[in-house]
Amino acid sequence: MYSESGTACTPAMARIVKFVEQFIERNGYSPSAGDIGRGLRLHRSWAFRCAKQAMARGLLVADPKVVRSWRLPATTSSRARKG
């Protein structure tokens, strides 16, 4: 499985990236590992592990303004901030 950028990703990573995108669109800020876990019915440690792998592949980036939070590389900080 490949992301839109052509980067190889697992089905779990693809689900997490899609969830992060939709979460930000709905809420205006980035999800935590707990949010991802609850939203996808995964344990938060598994969600965290998959999100870290997605970060390593460039599918997600850390939001420096919010601890334990992720966003898509193309997401602007004003849309991804918690507020």
Protein backbone atom coordinates (compact mmCIF):
# COMPACT_ATOMS: atom_id res chain seq x y z
CA MET A 1 0.00 0.00 0.00
CA TYR A 2 1.26 3.48 -0.85
CA SER A 3 0.36 6.96 0.32
CA GLU A 4 -0.56 9.73 -2.11
CA SER A 5 3.10 10.80 -2.05
CA GLY A 6 4.19 7.31 -3.14
CA THR A 7 5.62 6.36 0.27
CA ALA A 8 5.01 2.74 1.26
CA CYS A 9 2.74 2.37 4.27
CA THR A 10 0.87 -0.36 6.09
CA PRO A 11 -2.94 -0.48 6.18
CA ALA A 12 -2.78 0.63 9.84
CA MET A 13 -0.67 3.66 8.94
CA ALA A 14 -3.03 4.55 6.11
CA ARG A 15 -6.00 4.41 8.52
CA ILE A 16 -4.18 6.62 11.03
CA VAL A 17 -3.17 9.20 8.43
CA LYS A 18 -6.76 9.34 7.14
CA PHE A 19 -8.07 9.64 10.72
CA VAL A 20 -5.65 12.50 11.50
CA GLU A 21 -6.74 14.33 8.35
CA GLN A 22 -10.45 13.94 9.16
CA PHE A 23 -9.97 14.75 12.87
CA ILE A 24 -8.25 18.05 12.03
CA GLU A 25 -10.95 18.94 9.51
CA ARG A 26 -13.70 18.30 12.10
CA ASN A 27 -12.03 19.73 15.21
CA GLY A 28 -9.50 22.31 14.01
CA TYR A 29 -6.63 20.77 16.01
CA SER A 30 -4.46 17.67 15.92
CA PRO A 31 -5.43 14.43 17.67
CA SER A 32 -3.51 12.81 20.50
CA ALA A 33 -2.58 9.13 20.52
CA GLY A 34 -5.60 8.58 22.78
CA ASP A 35 -7.88 10.31 20.27
CA ILE A 36 -6.52 8.12 17.47
CA GLY A 37 -6.89 4.99 19.55
CA ARG A 38 -10.48 5.78 20.52
CA GLY A 39 -11.42 6.80 16.99
CA LEU A 40 -10.00 3.66 15.39
CA ARG A 41 -10.66 1.29 18.29
CA LEU A 42 -6.96 0.65 18.84
CA HIS A 43 -4.98 0.68 22.06
CA ARG A 44 -3.33 4.08 22.35
CA SER A 45 0.16 2.51 22.55
CA TRP A 46 -0.47 0.77 19.20
CA ALA A 47 -1.81 4.03 17.73
CA PHE A 48 1.30 5.83 19.03
CA ARG A 49 3.61 3.19 17.55
CA CYS A 50 1.92 3.32 14.13
CA ALA A 51 1.88 7.14 14.15
CA LYS A 52 5.62 7.20 14.95
CA GLN A 53 6.24 4.84 12.02
CA ALA A 54 4.16 7.12 9.79
CA MET A 55 6.27 10.06 10.98
CA ALA A 56 9.46 8.17 10.12
CA ARG A 57 8.13 7.70 6.58
CA GLY A 58 7.11 11.34 6.24
CA LEU A 59 3.36 10.67 6.25
CA LEU A 60 2.81 12.63 9.48
CA VAL A 61 4.80 15.33 11.27
CA ALA A 62 4.84 16.30 14.93
CA ASP A 63 2.99 19.48 15.85
CA PRO A 64 5.56 21.41 17.91
CA LYS A 65 2.86 23.43 19.71
CA VAL A 66 0.91 20.43 21.04
CA VAL A 67 2.45 17.55 22.97
CA ARG A 68 1.65 14.03 21.62
CA SER A 69 -0.04 15.42 18.56
CA TRP A 70 0.38 14.88 14.83
CA ARG A 71 -0.62 16.52 11.58
CA LEU A 72 -0.20 15.94 7.86
CA PRO A 73 2.91 17.51 6.34
CA ALA A 74 0.76 19.86 4.19
CA THR A 75 -1.44 21.01 7.12
CA THR A 76 -0.77 24.60 8.16
CA SER A 77 -0.02 25.24 11.82
CA SER A 78 -3.02 27.58 12.17
CA ARG A 79 -5.41 24.76 11.22
CA ALA A 80 -3.60 22.19 13.36
CA ARG A 81 -3.20 24.18 16.53
CA LYS A 82 -5.18 23.37 19.64
CA GLY A 83 -7.20 26.25 20.78
